[in-house]
């Protein structure tokens, strides 16, 4: 209710042979599953970036999932809702979608043969922030149960944060709006947190690498 935006896909590439698409104003979250020819039982939820203004489809989505599937990993790309589009959940809207996607992936309903204890999450930029939120706060109830899948754990077994943005809760207008302070995910990391792989270029001019360093420390 109250959401009036129109979903669309924009093409950001000037090369007709290379796609660089992104979804804006996501109205219906989707989960696109890439099944490997020889699955090894593991699975990865892939969360593309886009600054919480859009969700990248190709390089941080499908292309990453295809690379994972080529090595035996079942990969699922989530196109999640965006916080500023008027959803009642506000900045929890993308987290709701990630929790639901993780539960569906773990349940085996979207891909058979997934080992429920070997399901991870991989996120880029804003998707890295969402992956961190799922890893550190995924146990928080953000929506009412829909079906039996929602009885399953939403916390991933491991995570990969690739040039993750906004980890300290600052820098994103979408995360700063609404009631309450934006959550500091760096402060939420503990010695018993699930294994997290952090990747960040030292000369990143868009997302400072210091946030990843601070989370590592």
Protein backbone atom coordinates (compact mmCIF):
# COMPACT_ATOMS: atom_id res chain seq x y z
CA UNK A 1 0.00 0.00 0.00
CA UNK A 2 1.19 3.49 -0.83
CA UNK A 3 3.92 2.36 -3.24
CA UNK A 4 3.48 4.26 -6.50
CA UNK A 5 6.86 3.84 -8.23
CA UNK A 6 7.13 2.13 -11.62
CA UNK A 7 9.68 -0.65 -12.00
CA UNK A 8 12.03 -0.48 -14.96
CA UNK A 9 15.37 -1.62 -16.34
CA UNK A 10 18.06 0.84 -17.41
CA UNK A 11 21.03 0.04 -19.67
CA UNK A 12 24.22 1.78 -18.59
CA UNK A 13 26.60 0.35 -21.20
CA UNK A 14 27.51 2.22 -24.39
CA UNK A 15 28.74 -1.00 -25.99
CA UNK A 16 25.94 -2.98 -27.69
CA UNK A 17 27.92 -6.20 -27.13
CA UNK A 18 28.21 -5.71 -23.36
CA UNK A 19 25.23 -5.41 -21.05
CA UNK A 20 25.35 -3.37 -17.83
CA UNK A 21 21.72 -3.32 -16.78
CA UNK A 22 20.10 -2.35 -13.50
CA UNK A 23 16.57 -2.51 -12.11
CA UNK A 24 15.09 0.65 -10.63
CA UNK A 25 12.05 0.90 -8.33
CA UNK A 26 11.72 -2.83 -7.70
CA UNK A 27 8.04 -3.64 -7.17
CA UNK A 28 8.31 -7.43 -6.90
CA UNK A 29 11.50 -9.02 -5.52
CA UNK A 30 12.74 -11.95 -7.60
CA UNK A 31 15.17 -14.80 -7.05
CA UNK A 32 16.94 -16.13 -10.16
CA UNK A 33 18.59 -19.50 -9.59
CA UNK A 34 21.61 -20.82 -11.49
CA UNK A 35 21.92 -24.60 -11.09
CA UNK A 36 25.34 -26.18 -11.72
CA UNK A 37 25.77 -29.21 -13.95
CA UNK A 38 27.47 -31.01 -11.05
CA UNK A 39 26.23 -29.46 -7.78
CA UNK A 40 28.48 -29.89 -4.75
CA UNK A 41 25.70 -29.19 -2.25
CA UNK A 42 26.76 -25.66 -1.39
CA UNK A 43 24.73 -22.57 -2.29
CA UNK A 44 25.29 -18.83 -2.43
CA UNK A 45 22.78 -16.01 -2.28
CA UNK A 46 24.12 -13.21 -4.52
CA UNK A 47 23.19 -9.62 -3.64
CA UNK A 48 24.18 -7.09 -6.34
CA UNK A 49 24.93 -3.48 -5.54
CA UNK A 50 23.51 -0.21 -6.79
CA UNK A 51 23.68 2.23 -3.90
CA UNK A 52 20.16 1.26 -2.78
CA UNK A 53 18.99 3.34 -5.78
CA UNK A 54 19.00 0.42 -8.22
CA UNK A 55 19.95 -3.28 -8.37
CA UNK A 56 22.66 -4.24 -10.85
CA UNK A 57 21.74 -7.26 -12.99
CA UNK A 58 24.77 -8.31 -15.00
CA UNK A 59 28.31 -7.99 -13.62
CA UNK A 60 27.37 -8.23 -9.93
CA UNK A 61 24.41 -10.54 -10.54
CA UNK A 62 24.05 -13.04 -13.35
CA UNK A 63 27.73 -13.04 -14.34
CA UNK A 64 28.82 -13.75 -10.76
CA UNK A 65 26.20 -16.48 -10.39
CA UNK A 66 27.28 -18.17 -13.63
CA UNK A 67 30.89 -18.19 -12.43
CA UNK A 68 29.84 -19.79 -9.13
CA UNK A 69 27.65 -22.36 -10.88
CA UNK A 70 30.56 -23.35 -13.12
CA UNK A 71 32.40 -24.54 -9.99
CA UNK A 72 29.47 -26.56 -8.59
CA UNK A 73 27.87 -23.91 -6.38
CA UNK A 74 24.12 -23.36 -6.65
CA UNK A 75 23.77 -19.57 -6.97
CA UNK A 76 20.68 -17.43 -6.60
CA UNK A 77 20.59 -13.73 -7.53
CA UNK A 78 18.17 -11.58 -5.54
CA UNK A 79 16.62 -8.44 -7.02
CA UNK A 80 15.50 -6.78 -3.80
CA UNK A 81 13.22 -3.87 -2.99
CA UNK A 82 14.76 -0.46 -2.31
CA UNK A 83 14.29 1.53 0.92
CA UNK A 84 13.18 4.85 -0.56
CA UNK A 85 10.33 3.55 -2.74
CA UNK A 86 7.64 3.90 -0.07
CA UNK A 87 7.53 0.44 1.49
CA UNK A 88 6.10 0.34 5.00
CA UNK A 89 9.20 -1.54 6.16
CA UNK A 90 11.44 1.35 5.04
CA UNK A 91 15.10 0.42 5.22
CA UNK A 92 14.17 -3.10 6.38
CA UNK A 93 12.49 -3.85 3.02
CA UNK A 94 15.66 -5.22 1.37
CA UNK A 95 16.53 -7.16 4.54
CA UNK A 96 13.08 -8.76 4.51
CA UNK A 97 13.70 -9.90 0.93
CA UNK A 98 17.17 -11.24 1.76
CA UNK A 99 15.87 -13.16 4.79
CA UNK A 100 13.06 -14.68 2.74
CA UNK A 101 15.46 -15.59 -0.09
CA UNK A 102 17.91 -17.24 2.31
CA UNK A 103 15.12 -19.31 3.86
CA UNK A 104 13.80 -20.39 0.47
CA UNK A 105 17.30 -21.33 -0.70
CA UNK A 106 18.00 -23.25 2.49
CA UNK A 107 14.63 -25.07 2.30
CA UNK A 108 15.51 -26.68 -1.03
CA UNK A 109 12.33 -25.37 -2.66
CA UNK A 110 14.13 -23.27 -5.26
CA UNK A 111 16.92 -25.78 -5.91
CA UNK A 112 17.02 -29.42 -4.86
CA UNK A 113 20.04 -30.92 -3.13
CA UNK A 114 21.19 -27.85 -1.23
CA UNK A 115 22.93 -28.65 2.06
CA UNK A 116 21.13 -26.41 4.58
CA UNK A 117 24.40 -26.03 6.53
CA UNK A 118 26.43 -24.80 3.54
CA UNK A 119 24.50 -21.74 2.38
CA UNK A 120 26.32 -18.44 2.18
CA UNK A 121 25.74 -14.89 1.00
CA UNK A 122 27.86 -12.75 -1.31
CA UNK A 123 27.20 -9.03 -1.75
CA UNK A 124 28.71 -6.12 -3.67
CA UNK A 125 28.72 -2.49 -2.47
CA UNK A 126 25.19 -1.78 -1.16
CA UNK A 127 24.56 -5.49 -1.63
CA UNK A 128 27.60 -6.02 0.60
CA UNK A 129 25.90 -3.92 3.25
CA UNK A 130 22.76 -6.02 2.84
CA UNK A 131 24.84 -9.21 3.07
CA UNK A 132 26.43 -7.91 6.28
CA UNK A 133 23.02 -7.05 7.71
CA UNK A 134 21.75 -10.54 6.86
CA UNK A 135 24.84 -12.10 8.45
CA UNK A 136 24.79 -10.02 11.63
CA UNK A 137 21.08 -9.26 12.06
CA UNK A 138 19.35 -11.95 10.03
CA UNK A 139 17.84 -13.52 13.16
CA UNK A 140 15.80 -10.36 13.81
CA UNK A 141 12.13 -10.84 12.93
CA UNK A 142 11.20 -8.31 10.26
CA UNK A 143 8.05 -9.89 8.78
CA UNK A 144 5.27 -12.29 9.68
CA UNK A 145 5.73 -15.93 8.63
CA UNK A 146 4.40 -16.71 5.17
CA UNK A 147 4.84 -20.50 5.14
CA UNK A 148 6.97 -23.31 6.55
CA UNK A 149 10.15 -21.91 4.99
CA UNK A 150 10.01 -19.02 7.43
CA UNK A 151 10.65 -21.36 10.33
CA UNK A 152 14.18 -21.86 8.96
CA UNK A 153 17.26 -19.87 9.92
CA UNK A 154 17.85 -16.72 7.86
CA UNK A 155 21.46 -16.35 9.03
CA UNK A 156 23.94 -17.47 6.34
CA UNK A 157 26.63 -19.99 7.24
CA UNK A 158 29.33 -17.75 5.76
CA UNK A 159 29.54 -14.42 3.94
CA UNK A 160 31.62 -12.60 1.35
CA UNK A 161 31.51 -8.79 1.45
CA UNK A 162 32.90 -7.28 -1.75
CA UNK A 163 33.69 -3.55 -1.42
CA UNK A 164 30.78 -3.37 1.01
CA UNK A 165 29.31 0.10 1.55
CA UNK A 166 27.73 1.86 4.53
CA UNK A 167 28.95 -0.71 7.08
CA UNK A 168 29.07 1.90 9.84
CA UNK A 169 25.52 3.08 9.02
CA UNK A 170 26.59 6.32 7.30
CA UNK A 171 26.90 7.51 3.73
CA UNK A 172 23.55 6.37 2.31
CA UNK A 173 20.53 8.72 2.29
CA UNK A 174 18.26 5.67 1.99
CA UNK A 175 19.60 4.23 5.25
CA UNK A 176 19.59 7.52 7.13
CA UNK A 177 15.91 8.26 6.57
CA UNK A 178 13.22 6.97 8.91
CA UNK A 179 12.91 6.47 12.63
CA UNK A 180 15.87 5.48 14.74
CA UNK A 181 19.57 5.57 14.01
CA UNK A 182 21.01 3.58 11.12
CA UNK A 183 22.68 0.48 12.51
CA UNK A 184 26.46 0.20 12.80
CA UNK A 185 27.22 -3.26 11.43
CA UNK A 186 30.93 -2.97 12.19
CA UNK A 187 30.10 -2.71 15.89
CA UNK A 188 27.86 -5.78 15.56
CA UNK A 189 30.71 -8.04 14.39
CA UNK A 190 31.95 -10.40 17.12
CA UNK A 191 34.55 -13.12 17.50
CA UNK A 192 31.83 -15.77 17.15
CA UNK A 193 30.29 -14.24 14.00
CA UNK A 194 30.07 -16.54 10.99
CA UNK A 195 33.19 -16.61 8.78
CA UNK A 196 33.33 -13.46 6.63
CA UNK A 197 35.53 -12.93 3.58
CA UNK A 198 36.30 -9.25 2.96
CA UNK A 199 37.55 -7.90 -0.37
CA UNK A 200 38.27 -4.22 -0.95
CA UNK A 201 40.69 -2.26 -3.15
CA UNK A 202 42.85 0.17 -1.20
CA UNK A 203 42.34 2.87 -3.85
CA UNK A 204 38.54 2.55 -4.04
CA UNK A 205 37.34 6.10 -4.73
CA UNK A 206 33.64 5.34 -4.19
CA UNK A 207 33.55 3.20 -1.04
CA UNK A 208 36.46 3.78 1.38
CA UNK A 209 38.33 0.59 2.18
CA UNK A 210 38.69 1.68 5.81
CA UNK A 211 35.22 0.33 6.64
CA UNK A 212 36.23 -3.18 5.57
CA UNK A 213 39.49 -2.86 7.49
CA UNK A 214 37.60 -1.79 10.60
CA UNK A 215 35.26 -4.76 10.34
CA UNK A 216 38.23 -7.10 9.95
CA UNK A 217 39.88 -5.63 13.04
